[in-house]
Amino acid sequence: ASTVNRLFKQALGVTPREYADAHRRERFRSSLRAGAGVLEA
């Protein structure tokens, strides 16, 4: 787990959790832009 965290920080500048959260936020924004309701998005 520590190696995965280190590799992510070296390659992307973020932890795997931060990467996943950013991706989840982008999916949420995309759903909202597509017209989905807040709960559905």
Full PDB file with SEQRES, HELIX, SHEET, SSBOND, CRYST1, ORIGX, SCALE, CONECT and MASTER records, all heavy atoms in Angstrom:
SEQRES   1 A   41  ALA SER THR VAL ASN ARG LEU PHE LYS GLN ALA LEU GLY          
SEQRES   2 A   41  VAL THR PRO ARG GLU TYR ALA ASP ALA HIS ARG ARG GLU          
SEQRES   3 A   41  ARG PHE ARG SER SER LEU ARG ALA GLY ALA GLY VAL LEU          
SEQRES   4 A   41  GLU ALA                                                      
HELIX    1 AA1 SER A    2  LEU A   12  1                                  11    
HELIX    2 AA2 PRO A   16  ARG A   33  1                                  18    
CRYST1    1.000    1.000    1.000  90.00  90.00  90.00 P 1           1          
ORIGX1      1.000000  0.000000  0.000000        0.00000                         
ORIGX2      0.000000  1.000000  0.000000        0.00000                         
ORIGX3      0.000000  0.000000  1.000000        0.00000                         
SCALE1      1.000000  0.000000  0.000000        0.00000                         
SCALE2      0.000000  1.000000  0.000000        0.00000                         
SCALE3      0.000000  0.000000  1.000000        0.00000                         
ATOM      1  N   ALA A   1       0.832  -1.204   0.000  1.00  0.00           N  
ATOM      2  CA  ALA A   1       0.000   0.000   0.000  1.00  0.00           C  
ATOM      3  C   ALA A   1       0.869   1.257   0.000  1.00  0.00           C  
ATOM      4  O   ALA A   1       0.566   2.236  -0.697  1.00  0.00           O  
ATOM      5  CB  ALA A   1      -0.934  -0.010   1.203  1.00  0.00           C  
ATOM      6  N   SER A   2       1.961   1.239   0.752  1.00  0.00           N  
ATOM      7  CA  SER A   2       2.826   2.417   0.792  1.00  0.00           C  
ATOM      8  C   SER A   2       3.502   2.654  -0.558  1.00  0.00           C  
ATOM      9  O   SER A   2       3.688   3.797  -0.976  1.00  0.00           O  
ATOM     10  CB  SER A   2       3.873   2.286   1.900  1.00  0.00           C  
ATOM     11  OG  SER A   2       4.706   1.171   1.668  1.00  0.00           O  
ATOM     12  N   THR A   3       3.835   1.582  -1.272  1.00  0.00           N  
ATOM     13  CA  THR A   3       4.444   1.723  -2.592  1.00  0.00           C  
ATOM     14  C   THR A   3       3.438   2.301  -3.580  1.00  0.00           C  
ATOM     15  O   THR A   3       3.784   3.169  -4.387  1.00  0.00           O  
ATOM     16  CB  THR A   3       4.982   0.371  -3.104  1.00  0.00           C  
ATOM     17  OG1 THR A   3       5.952  -0.110  -2.176  1.00  0.00           O  
ATOM     18  CG2 THR A   3       5.604   0.492  -4.476  1.00  0.00           C  
ATOM     19  N   VAL A   4       2.199   1.851  -3.506  1.00  0.00           N  
ATOM     20  CA  VAL A   4       1.159   2.383  -4.390  1.00  0.00           C  
ATOM     21  C   VAL A   4       0.985   3.879  -4.134  1.00  0.00           C  
ATOM     22  O   VAL A   4       0.933   4.684  -5.066  1.00  0.00           O  
ATOM     23  CB  VAL A   4      -0.173   1.624  -4.211  1.00  0.00           C  
ATOM     24  CG1 VAL A   4      -1.317   2.345  -4.900  1.00  0.00           C  
ATOM     25  CG2 VAL A   4      -0.045   0.212  -4.743  1.00  0.00           C  
ATOM     26  N   ASN A   5       0.907   4.269  -2.861  1.00  0.00           N  
ATOM     27  CA  ASN A   5       0.785   5.694  -2.534  1.00  0.00           C  
ATOM     28  C   ASN A   5       1.971   6.487  -3.058  1.00  0.00           C  
ATOM     29  O   ASN A   5       1.813   7.559  -3.631  1.00  0.00           O  
ATOM     30  CB  ASN A   5       0.661   5.893  -1.014  1.00  0.00           C  
ATOM     31  CG  ASN A   5      -0.753   5.736  -0.537  1.00  0.00           C  
ATOM     32  OD1 ASN A   5      -1.690   6.147  -1.215  1.00  0.00           O  
ATOM     33  ND2 ASN A   5      -0.918   5.149   0.631  1.00  0.00           N  
ATOM     34  N   ARG A   6       3.187   5.970  -2.876  1.00  0.00           N  
ATOM     35  CA  ARG A   6       4.393   6.655  -3.318  1.00  0.00           C  
ATOM     36  C   ARG A   6       4.425   6.791  -4.837  1.00  0.00           C  
ATOM     37  O   ARG A   6       4.739   7.860  -5.374  1.00  0.00           O  
ATOM     38  CB  ARG A   6       5.641   5.909  -2.829  1.00  0.00           C  
ATOM     39  CG  ARG A   6       6.947   6.590  -3.215  1.00  0.00           C  
ATOM     40  CD  ARG A   6       8.165   5.870  -2.667  1.00  0.00           C  
ATOM     41  NE  ARG A   6       8.160   4.429  -2.821  1.00  0.00           N  
ATOM     42  CZ  ARG A   6       8.470   3.787  -3.943  1.00  0.00           C  
ATOM     43  NH1 ARG A   6       8.808   4.456  -5.019  1.00  0.00           N  
ATOM     44  NH2 ARG A   6       8.441   2.462  -3.995  1.00  0.00           N  
ATOM     45  N   LEU A   7       4.073   5.724  -5.555  1.00  0.00           N  
ATOM     46  CA  LEU A   7       4.076   5.775  -7.016  1.00  0.00           C  
ATOM     47  C   LEU A   7       3.059   6.780  -7.545  1.00  0.00           C  
ATOM     48  O   LEU A   7       3.334   7.512  -8.501  1.00  0.00           O  
ATOM     49  CB  LEU A   7       3.805   4.392  -7.605  1.00  0.00           C  
ATOM     50  CG  LEU A   7       4.895   3.347  -7.405  1.00  0.00           C  
ATOM     51  CD1 LEU A   7       4.452   2.002  -7.970  1.00  0.00           C  
ATOM     52  CD2 LEU A   7       6.197   3.794  -8.035  1.00  0.00           C  
ATOM     53  N   PHE A   8       1.880   6.825  -6.933  1.00  0.00           N  
ATOM     54  CA  PHE A   8       0.865   7.795  -7.339  1.00  0.00           C  
ATOM     55  C   PHE A   8       1.365   9.218  -7.111  1.00  0.00           C  
ATOM     56  O   PHE A   8       1.217  10.080  -7.964  1.00  0.00           O  
ATOM     57  CB  PHE A   8      -0.443   7.577  -6.569  1.00  0.00           C  
ATOM     58  CG  PHE A   8      -1.481   6.838  -7.351  1.00  0.00           C  
ATOM     59  CD1 PHE A   8      -1.427   5.465  -7.472  1.00  0.00           C  
ATOM     60  CD2 PHE A   8      -2.523   7.505  -7.969  1.00  0.00           C  
ATOM     61  CE1 PHE A   8      -2.374   4.769  -8.188  1.00  0.00           C  
ATOM     62  CE2 PHE A   8      -3.483   6.818  -8.689  1.00  0.00           C  
ATOM     63  CZ  PHE A   8      -3.412   5.447  -8.799  1.00  0.00           C  
ATOM     64  N   LYS A   9       1.969   9.455  -5.938  1.00  0.00           N  
ATOM     65  CA  LYS A   9       2.480  10.794  -5.623  1.00  0.00           C  
ATOM     66  C   LYS A   9       3.573  11.203  -6.607  1.00  0.00           C  
ATOM     67  O   LYS A   9       3.615  12.345  -7.040  1.00  0.00           O  
ATOM     68  CB  LYS A   9       3.031  10.847  -4.193  1.00  0.00           C  
ATOM     69  CG  LYS A   9       1.984  10.986  -3.137  1.00  0.00           C  
ATOM     70  CD  LYS A   9       1.283  12.297  -3.258  1.00  0.00           C  
ATOM     71  CE  LYS A   9       1.372  13.078  -1.975  1.00  0.00           C  
ATOM     72  NZ  LYS A   9       0.570  14.290  -2.021  1.00  0.00           N  
ATOM     73  N   GLN A  10       4.443  10.262  -6.965  1.00  0.00           N  
ATOM     74  CA  GLN A  10       5.519  10.567  -7.905  1.00  0.00           C  
ATOM     75  C   GLN A  10       4.972  10.850  -9.303  1.00  0.00           C  
ATOM     76  O   GLN A  10       5.400  11.787  -9.967  1.00  0.00           O  
ATOM     77  CB  GLN A  10       6.518   9.412  -7.994  1.00  0.00           C  
ATOM     78  CG  GLN A  10       7.436   9.301  -6.816  1.00  0.00           C  
ATOM     79  CD  GLN A  10       8.333   8.068  -6.896  1.00  0.00           C  
ATOM     80  OE1 GLN A  10       8.060   7.126  -7.635  1.00  0.00           O  
ATOM     81  NE2 GLN A  10       9.394   8.069  -6.114  1.00  0.00           N  
ATOM     82  N   ALA A  11       4.050  10.018  -9.750  1.00  0.00           N  
ATOM     83  CA  ALA A  11       3.560  10.124 -11.125  1.00  0.00           C  
ATOM     84  C   ALA A  11       2.520  11.222 -11.310  1.00  0.00           C  
ATOM     85  O   ALA A  11       2.533  11.937 -12.312  1.00  0.00           O  
ATOM     86  CB  ALA A  11       2.973   8.781 -11.579  1.00  0.00           C  
ATOM     87  N   LEU A  12       1.608  11.369 -10.339  1.00  0.00           N  
ATOM     88  CA  LEU A  12       0.475  12.276 -10.516  1.00  0.00           C  
ATOM     89  C   LEU A  12       0.432  13.437  -9.528  1.00  0.00           C  
ATOM     90  O   LEU A  12      -0.328  14.385  -9.712  1.00  0.00           O  
ATOM     91  CB  LEU A  12      -0.835  11.485 -10.398  1.00  0.00           C  
ATOM     92  CG  LEU A  12      -0.992  10.299 -11.346  1.00  0.00           C  
ATOM     93  CD1 LEU A  12      -2.250   9.525 -11.032  1.00  0.00           C  
ATOM     94  CD2 LEU A  12      -0.986  10.767 -12.785  1.00  0.00           C  
ATOM     95  N   GLY A  13       1.188  13.325  -8.447  1.00  0.00           N  
ATOM     96  CA  GLY A  13       1.174  14.384  -7.450  1.00  0.00           C  
ATOM     97  C   GLY A  13       0.037  14.278  -6.458  1.00  0.00           C  
ATOM     98  O   GLY A  13      -0.170  15.179  -5.646  1.00  0.00           O  
ATOM     99  N   VAL A  14      -0.737  13.198  -6.534  1.00  0.00           N  
ATOM    100  CA  VAL A  14      -1.860  12.971  -5.623  1.00  0.00           C  
ATOM    101  C   VAL A  14      -1.852  11.515  -5.164  1.00  0.00           C  
ATOM    102  O   VAL A  14      -1.231  10.667  -5.792  1.00  0.00           O  
ATOM    103  CB  VAL A  14      -3.227  13.283  -6.286  1.00  0.00           C  
ATOM    104  CG1 VAL A  14      -3.351  14.752  -6.643  1.00  0.00           C  
ATOM    105  CG2 VAL A  14      -3.448  12.421  -7.520  1.00  0.00           C  
ATOM    106  N   THR A  15      -2.569  11.247  -4.089  1.00  0.00           N  
ATOM    107  CA  THR A  15      -2.719   9.871  -3.620  1.00  0.00           C  
ATOM    108  C   THR A  15      -3.800   9.178  -4.446  1.00  0.00           C  
ATOM    109  O   THR A  15      -4.580   9.850  -5.136  1.00  0.00           O  
ATOM    110  CB  THR A  15      -3.129   9.843  -2.134  1.00  0.00           C  
ATOM    111  OG1 THR A  15      -4.426  10.436  -2.009  1.00  0.00           O  
ATOM    112  CG2 THR A  15      -2.117  10.572  -1.256  1.00  0.00           C  
ATOM    113  N   PRO A  16      -3.894   7.859  -4.371  1.00  0.00           N  
ATOM    114  CA  PRO A  16      -4.971   7.166  -5.086  1.00  0.00           C  
ATOM    115  C   PRO A  16      -6.361   7.650  -4.651  1.00  0.00           C  
ATOM    116  O   PRO A  16      -7.260   7.794  -5.472  1.00  0.00           O  
ATOM    117  CB  PRO A  16      -4.768   5.693  -4.720  1.00  0.00           C  
ATOM    118  CG  PRO A  16      -3.338   5.582  -4.368  1.00  0.00           C  
ATOM    119  CD  PRO A  16      -2.964   6.901  -3.767  1.00  0.00           C  
ATOM    120  N   ARG A  17      -6.514   7.937  -3.360  1.00  0.00           N  
ATOM    121  CA  ARG A  17      -7.801   8.426  -2.845  1.00  0.00           C  
ATOM    122  C   ARG A  17      -8.152   9.785  -3.458  1.00  0.00           C  
ATOM    123  O   ARG A  17      -9.286  10.028  -3.873  1.00  0.00           O  
ATOM    124  CB  ARG A  17      -7.745   8.517  -1.313  1.00  0.00           C  
ATOM    125  CG  ARG A  17      -8.966   9.091  -0.667  1.00  0.00           C  
ATOM    126  CD  ARG A  17     -10.141   8.180  -0.902  1.00  0.00           C  
ATOM    127  NE  ARG A  17     -11.352   8.766  -0.389  1.00  0.00           N  
ATOM    128  CZ  ARG A  17     -12.332   8.069   0.128  1.00  0.00           C  
ATOM    129  NH1 ARG A  17     -12.242   6.765   0.215  1.00  0.00           N  
ATOM    130  NH2 ARG A  17     -13.411   8.658   0.538  1.00  0.00           N  
ATOM    131  N   GLU A  18      -7.164  10.681  -3.525  1.00  0.00           N  
ATOM    132  CA  GLU A  18      -7.402  11.999  -4.112  1.00  0.00           C  
ATOM    133  C   GLU A  18      -7.730  11.879  -5.600  1.00  0.00           C  
ATOM    134  O   GLU A  18      -8.591  12.598  -6.111  1.00  0.00           O  
ATOM    135  CB  GLU A  18      -6.181  12.902  -3.910  1.00  0.00           C  
ATOM    136  CG  GLU A  18      -5.943  13.292  -2.470  1.00  0.00           C  
ATOM    137  CD  GLU A  18      -4.586  13.916  -2.222  1.00  0.00           C  
ATOM    138  OE1 GLU A  18      -3.623  13.623  -2.980  1.00  0.00           O  
ATOM    139  OE2 GLU A  18      -4.478  14.688  -1.252  1.00  0.00           O  
ATOM    140  N   TYR A  19      -7.059  10.954  -6.283  1.00  0.00           N  
ATOM    141  CA  TYR A  19      -7.351  10.729  -7.697  1.00  0.00           C  
ATOM    142  C   TYR A  19      -8.783  10.230  -7.867  1.00  0.00           C  
ATOM    143  O   TYR A  19      -9.527  10.710  -8.717  1.00  0.00           O  
ATOM    144  CB  TYR A  19      -6.362   9.725  -8.305  1.00  0.00           C  
ATOM    145  CG  TYR A  19      -6.620   9.476  -9.770  1.00  0.00           C  
ATOM    146  CD1 TYR A  19      -6.106  10.330 -10.734  1.00  0.00           C  
ATOM    147  CD2 TYR A  19      -7.385   8.400 -10.187  1.00  0.00           C  
ATOM    148  CE1 TYR A  19      -6.345  10.126 -12.076  1.00  0.00           C  
ATOM    149  CE2 TYR A  19      -7.638   8.180 -11.526  1.00  0.00           C  
ATOM    150  CZ  TYR A  19      -7.115   9.043 -12.468  1.00  0.00           C  
ATOM    151  OH  TYR A  19      -7.372   8.840 -13.800  1.00  0.00           O  
ATOM    152  N   ALA A  20      -9.172   9.261  -7.039  1.00  0.00           N  
ATOM    153  CA  ALA A  20     -10.518   8.695  -7.122  1.00  0.00           C  
ATOM    154  C   ALA A  20     -11.573   9.756  -6.811  1.00  0.00           C  
ATOM    155  O   ALA A  20     -12.609   9.822  -7.489  1.00  0.00           O  
ATOM    156  CB  ALA A  20     -10.650   7.510  -6.167  1.00  0.00           C  
ATOM    157  N   ASP A  21     -11.316  10.577  -5.799  1.00  0.00           N  
ATOM    158  CA  ASP A  21     -12.269  11.642  -5.454  1.00  0.00           C  
ATOM    159  C   ASP A  21     -12.421  12.638  -6.591  1.00  0.00           C  
ATOM    160  O   ASP A  21     -13.528  13.069  -6.907  1.00  0.00           O  
ATOM    161  CB  ASP A  21     -11.832  12.362  -4.175  1.00  0.00           C  
ATOM    162  CG  ASP A  21     -12.037  11.525  -2.926  1.00  0.00           C  
ATOM    163  OD1 ASP A  21     -12.794  10.534  -2.981  1.00  0.00           O  
ATOM    164  OD2 ASP A  21     -11.424  11.862  -1.886  1.00  0.00           O  
ATOM    165  N   ALA A  22     -11.316  13.017  -7.224  1.00  0.00           N  
ATOM    166  CA  ALA A  22     -11.370  13.953  -8.352  1.00  0.00           C  
ATOM    167  C   ALA A  22     -12.150  13.344  -9.515  1.00  0.00           C  
ATOM    168  O   ALA A  22     -12.952  14.033 -10.161  1.00  0.00           O  
ATOM    169  CB  ALA A  22      -9.960  14.328  -8.796  1.00  0.00           C  
ATOM    170  N   HIS A  23     -11.932  12.062  -9.766  1.00  0.00           N  
ATOM    171  CA  HIS A  23     -12.656  11.396 -10.849  1.00  0.00           C  
ATOM    172  C   HIS A  23     -14.157  11.318 -10.525  1.00  0.00           C  
ATOM    173  O   HIS A  23     -14.990  11.544 -11.396  1.00  0.00           O  
ATOM    174  CB  HIS A  23     -12.092   9.992 -11.093  1.00  0.00           C  
ATOM    175  CG  HIS A  23     -12.749   9.298 -12.231  1.00  0.00           C  
ATOM    176  ND1 HIS A  23     -12.562   9.678 -13.540  1.00  0.00           N  
ATOM    177  CD2 HIS A  23     -13.618   8.272 -12.259  1.00  0.00           C  
ATOM    178  CE1 HIS A  23     -13.288   8.903 -14.316  1.00  0.00           C  
ATOM    179  NE2 HIS A  23     -13.930   8.039 -13.563  1.00  0.00           N  
ATOM    180  N   ARG A  24     -14.477  11.034  -9.279  1.00  0.00           N  
ATOM    181  CA  ARG A  24     -15.879  10.958  -8.864  1.00  0.00           C  
ATOM    182  C   ARG A  24     -16.549  12.328  -8.995  1.00  0.00           C  
ATOM    183  O   ARG A  24     -17.688  12.422  -9.459  1.00  0.00           O  
ATOM    184  CB  ARG A  24     -15.964  10.442  -7.424  1.00  0.00           C  
ATOM    185  CG  ARG A  24     -17.383  10.234  -6.952  1.00  0.00           C  
ATOM    186  CD  ARG A  24     -17.452   9.483  -5.673  1.00  0.00           C  
ATOM    187  NE  ARG A  24     -16.727  10.167  -4.612  1.00  0.00           N  
ATOM    188  CZ  ARG A  24     -16.795   9.812  -3.341  1.00  0.00           C  
ATOM    189  NH1 ARG A  24     -17.525   8.783  -2.974  1.00  0.00           N  
ATOM    190  NH2 ARG A  24     -16.116  10.479  -2.437  1.00  0.00           N  
ATOM    191  N   ARG A  25     -15.842  13.397  -8.614  1.00  0.00           N  
ATOM    192  CA  ARG A  25     -16.398  14.750  -8.766  1.00  0.00           C  
ATOM    193  C   ARG A  25     -16.643  15.076 -10.233  1.00  0.00           C  
ATOM    194  O   ARG A  25     -17.656  15.693 -10.578  1.00  0.00           O  
ATOM    195  CB  ARG A  25     -15.456  15.789  -8.152  1.00  0.00           C  
ATOM    196  CG  ARG A  25     -15.485  15.821  -6.647  1.00  0.00           C  
ATOM    197  CD  ARG A  25     -14.754  17.025  -6.078  1.00  0.00           C  
ATOM    198  NE  ARG A  25     -13.366  17.116  -6.489  1.00  0.00           N  
ATOM    199  CZ  ARG A  25     -12.348  16.577  -5.818  1.00  0.00           C  
ATOM    200  NH1 ARG A  25     -12.571  15.915  -4.696  1.00  0.00           N  
ATOM    201  NH2 ARG A  25     -11.112  16.714  -6.265  1.00  0.00           N  
ATOM    202  N   GLU A  26     -15.743  14.646 -11.105  1.00  0.00           N  
ATOM    203  CA  GLU A  26     -15.929  14.908 -12.537  1.00  0.00           C  
ATOM    204  C   GLU A  26     -17.124  14.130 -13.088  1.00  0.00           C  
ATOM    205  O   GLU A  26     -17.880  14.651 -13.917  1.00  0.00           O  
ATOM    206  CB  GLU A  26     -14.663  14.573 -13.325  1.00  0.00           C  
ATOM    207  CG  GLU A  26     -14.753  14.882 -14.806  1.00  0.00           C  
ATOM    208  CD  GLU A  26     -15.213  16.295 -15.126  1.00  0.00           C  
ATOM    209  OE1 GLU A  26     -14.831  17.250 -14.421  1.00  0.00           O  
ATOM    210  OE2 GLU A  26     -15.986  16.453 -16.100  1.00  0.00           O  
ATOM    211  N   ARG A  27     -17.302  12.898 -12.638  1.00  0.00           N  
ATOM    212  CA  ARG A  27     -18.493  12.134 -13.064  1.00  0.00           C  
ATOM    213  C   ARG A  27     -19.764  12.825 -12.598  1.00  0.00           C  
ATOM    214  O   ARG A  27     -20.759  12.884 -13.323  1.00  0.00           O  
ATOM    215  CB  ARG A  27     -18.443  10.705 -12.509  1.00  0.00           C  
ATOM    216  CG  ARG A  27     -17.502   9.803 -13.251  1.00  0.00           C  
ATOM    217  CD  ARG A  27     -17.706   8.347 -12.944  1.00  0.00           C  
ATOM    218  NE  ARG A  27     -17.869   8.083 -11.528  1.00  0.00           N  
ATOM    219  CZ  ARG A  27     -17.497   6.977 -10.921  1.00  0.00           C  
ATOM    220  NH1 ARG A  27     -16.930   6.024 -11.608  1.00  0.00           N  
ATOM    221  NH2 ARG A  27     -17.678   6.810  -9.632  1.00  0.00           N  
ATOM    222  N   PHE A  28     -19.740  13.362 -11.388  1.00  0.00           N  
ATOM    223  CA  PHE A  28     -20.892  14.085 -10.844  1.00  0.00           C  
ATOM    224  C   PHE A  28     -21.191  15.320 -11.697  1.00  0.00           C  
ATOM    225  O   PHE A  28     -22.337  15.548 -12.096  1.00  0.00           O  
ATOM    226  CB  PHE A  28     -20.618  14.480  -9.382  1.00  0.00           C  
ATOM    227  CG  PHE A  28     -21.702  15.304  -8.764  1.00  0.00           C  
ATOM    228  CD1 PHE A  28     -22.942  14.742  -8.491  1.00  0.00           C  
ATOM    229  CD2 PHE A  28     -21.492  16.636  -8.452  1.00  0.00           C  
ATOM    230  CE1 PHE A  28     -23.957  15.502  -7.921  1.00  0.00           C  
ATOM    231  CE2 PHE A  28     -22.489  17.394  -7.883  1.00  0.00           C  
ATOM    232  CZ  PHE A  28     -23.724  16.834  -7.614  1.00  0.00           C  
ATOM    233  N   ARG A  29     -20.154  16.119 -12.002  1.00  0.00           N  
ATOM    234  CA  ARG A  29     -20.352  17.324 -12.824  1.00  0.00           C  
ATOM    235  C   ARG A  29     -20.871  16.959 -14.211  1.00  0.00           C  
ATOM    236  O   ARG A  29     -21.752  17.630 -14.751  1.00  0.00           O  
ATOM    237  CB  ARG A  29     -19.043  18.107 -12.931  1.00  0.00           C  
ATOM    238  CG  ARG A  29     -18.685  18.868 -11.677  1.00  0.00           C  
ATOM    239  CD  ARG A  29     -17.531  19.836 -11.908  1.00  0.00           C  
ATOM    240  NE  ARG A  29     -16.280  19.179 -12.211  1.00  0.00           N  
ATOM    241  CZ  ARG A  29     -15.373  18.844 -11.301  1.00  0.00           C  
ATOM    242  NH1 ARG A  29     -15.576  19.101 -10.033  1.00  0.00           N  
ATOM    243  NH2 ARG A  29     -14.264  18.246 -11.670  1.00  0.00           N  
ATOM    244  N   SER A  30     -20.356  15.885 -14.795  1.00  0.00           N  
ATOM    245  CA  SER A  30     -20.805  15.454 -16.124  1.00  0.00           C  
ATOM    246  C   SER A  30     -22.276  15.067 -16.111  1.00  0.00           C  
ATOM    247  O   SER A  30     -23.016  15.412 -17.031  1.00  0.00           O  
ATOM    248  CB  SER A  30     -19.974  14.271 -16.614  1.00  0.00           C  
ATOM    249  OG  SER A  30     -18.652  14.655 -16.839  1.00  0.00           O  
ATOM    250  N   SER A  31     -22.696  14.360 -15.068  1.00  0.00           N  
ATOM    251  CA  SER A  31     -24.109  13.974 -14.952  1.00  0.00           C  
ATOM    252  C   SER A  31     -24.993  15.200 -14.811  1.00  0.00           C  
ATOM    253  O   SER A  31     -26.071  15.272 -15.411  1.00  0.00           O  
ATOM    254  CB  SER A  31     -24.325  13.055 -13.749  1.00  0.00           C  
ATOM    255  OG  SER A  31     -23.828  11.776 -14.004  1.00  0.00           O  
ATOM    256  N   LEU A  32     -24.547  16.173 -14.010  1.00  0.00           N  
ATOM    257  CA  LEU A  32     -25.331  17.399 -13.860  1.00  0.00           C  
ATOM    258  C   LEU A  32     -25.442  18.147 -15.185  1.00  0.00           C  
ATOM    259  O   LEU A  32     -26.519  18.627 -15.557  1.00  0.00           O  
ATOM    260  CB  LEU A  32     -24.714  18.320 -12.802  1.00  0.00           C  
ATOM    261  CG  LEU A  32     -24.854  17.890 -11.348  1.00  0.00           C  
ATOM    262  CD1 LEU A  32     -24.119  18.866 -10.443  1.00  0.00           C  
ATOM    263  CD2 LEU A  32     -26.314  17.781 -10.940  1.00  0.00           C  
ATOM    264  N   ARG A  33     -24.338  18.244 -15.922  1.00  0.00           N  
ATOM    265  CA  ARG A  33     -24.353  18.937 -17.219  1.00  0.00           C  
ATOM    266  C   ARG A  33     -25.261  18.221 -18.207  1.00  0.00           C  
ATOM    267  O   ARG A  33     -25.837  18.848 -19.093  1.00  0.00           O  
ATOM    268  CB  ARG A  33     -22.947  19.041 -17.788  1.00  0.00           C  
ATOM    269  CG  ARG A  33     -22.096  20.101 -17.122  1.00  0.00           C  
ATOM    270  CD  ARG A  33     -20.809  20.367 -17.881  1.00  0.00           C  
ATOM    271  NE  ARG A  33     -19.949  19.208 -17.984  1.00  0.00           N  
ATOM    272  CZ  ARG A  33     -18.950  18.916 -17.156  1.00  0.00           C  
ATOM    273  NH1 ARG A  33     -18.674  19.718 -16.151  1.00  0.00           N  
ATOM    274  NH2 ARG A  33     -18.226  17.835 -17.330  1.00  0.00           N  
ATOM    275  N   ALA A  34     -25.381  16.895 -18.052  1.00  0.00           N  
ATOM    276  CA  ALA A  34     -26.240  16.114 -18.949  1.00  0.00           C  
ATOM    277  C   ALA A  34     -27.712  16.252 -18.577  1.00  0.00           C  
ATOM    278  O   ALA A  34     -28.579  15.726 -19.272  1.00  0.00           O  
ATOM    279  CB  ALA A  34     -25.833  14.652 -18.934  1.00  0.00           C  
ATOM    280  N   GLY A  35     -27.997  16.953 -17.468  1.00  0.00           N  
ATOM    281  CA  GLY A  35     -29.380  17.206 -17.092  1.00  0.00           C  
ATOM    282  C   GLY A  35     -29.938  16.320 -15.993  1.00  0.00           C  
ATOM    283  O   GLY A  35     -31.117  16.402 -15.666  1.00  0.00           O  
ATOM    284  N   ALA A  36     -29.112  15.469 -15.396  1.00  0.00           N  
ATOM    285  CA  ALA A  36     -29.584  14.601 -14.316  1.00  0.00           C  
ATOM    286  C   ALA A  36     -29.877  15.434 -13.070  1.00  0.00           C  
ATOM    287  O   ALA A  36     -29.290  16.492 -12.856  1.00  0.00           O  
ATOM    288  CB  ALA A  36     -28.527  13.552 -13.992  1.00  0.00           C  
ATOM    289  N   GLY A  37     -30.793  14.944 -12.244  1.00  0.00           N  
ATOM    290  CA  GLY A  37     -31.075  15.597 -10.971  1.00  0.00           C  
ATOM    291  C   GLY A  37     -29.901  15.386 -10.020  1.00  0.00           C  
ATOM    292  O   GLY A  37     -29.045  14.534 -10.241  1.00  0.00           O  
ATOM    293  N   VAL A  38     -29.871  16.166  -8.951  1.00  0.00           N  
ATOM    294  CA  VAL A  38     -28.750  16.114  -8.018  1.00  0.00           C  
ATOM    295  C   VAL A  38     -28.626  14.727  -7.390  1.00  0.00           C  
ATOM    296  O   VAL A  38     -27.529  14.160  -7.333  1.00  0.00           O  
ATOM    297  CB  VAL A  38     -28.896  17.205  -6.928  1.00  0.00           C  
ATOM    298  CG1 VAL A  38     -27.794  17.072  -5.893  1.00  0.00           C  
ATOM    299  CG2 VAL A  38     -28.876  18.588  -7.558  1.00  0.00           C  
ATOM    300  N   LEU A  39     -29.735  14.149  -6.940  1.00  0.00           N  
ATOM    301  CA  LEU A  39     -29.687  12.823  -6.320  1.00  0.00           C  
ATOM    302  C   LEU A  39     -29.218  11.773  -7.325  1.00  0.00           C  
ATOM    303  O   LEU A  39     -28.331  10.969  -7.025  1.00  0.00           O  
ATOM    304  CB  LEU A  39     -31.054  12.435  -5.754  1.00  0.00           C  
ATOM    305  CG  LEU A  39     -31.149  11.028  -5.157  1.00  0.00           C  
ATOM    306  CD1 LEU A  39     -30.187  10.890  -3.978  1.00  0.00           C  
ATOM    307  CD2 LEU A  39     -32.569  10.727  -4.728  1.00  0.00           C  
ATOM    308  N   GLU A  40     -29.789  11.800  -8.515  1.00  0.00           N  
ATOM    309  CA  GLU A  40     -29.404  10.834  -9.550  1.00  0.00           C  
ATOM    310  C   GLU A  40     -27.926  10.970  -9.913  1.00  0.00           C  
ATOM    311  O   GLU A  40     -27.196   9.981 -10.016  1.00  0.00           O  
ATOM    312  CB  GLU A  40     -30.272  11.055 -10.795  1.00  0.00           C  
ATOM    313  CG  GLU A  40     -29.987  10.095 -11.928  1.00  0.00           C  
ATOM    314  CD  GLU A  40     -30.788  10.426 -13.185  1.00  0.00           C  
ATOM    315  OE1 GLU A  40     -31.690  11.274 -13.131  1.00  0.00           O  
ATOM    316  OE2 GLU A  40     -30.467   9.823 -14.220  1.00  0.00           O  
ATOM    317  N   ALA A  41     -27.444  12.195 -10.085  1.00  0.00           N  
ATOM    318  CA  ALA A  41     -26.044  12.434 -10.432  1.00  0.00           C  
ATOM    319  C   ALA A  41     -25.126  11.978  -9.309  1.00  0.00           C  
ATOM    320  O   ALA A  41     -24.069  11.391  -9.560  1.00  0.00           O  
ATOM    321  CB  ALA A  41     -25.822  13.916 -10.729  1.00  0.00           C  
TER     322      ALA A  41                                                      
MASTER        0    0    0    2    0    0    0    6  321    1    0    4          
END                                                                             
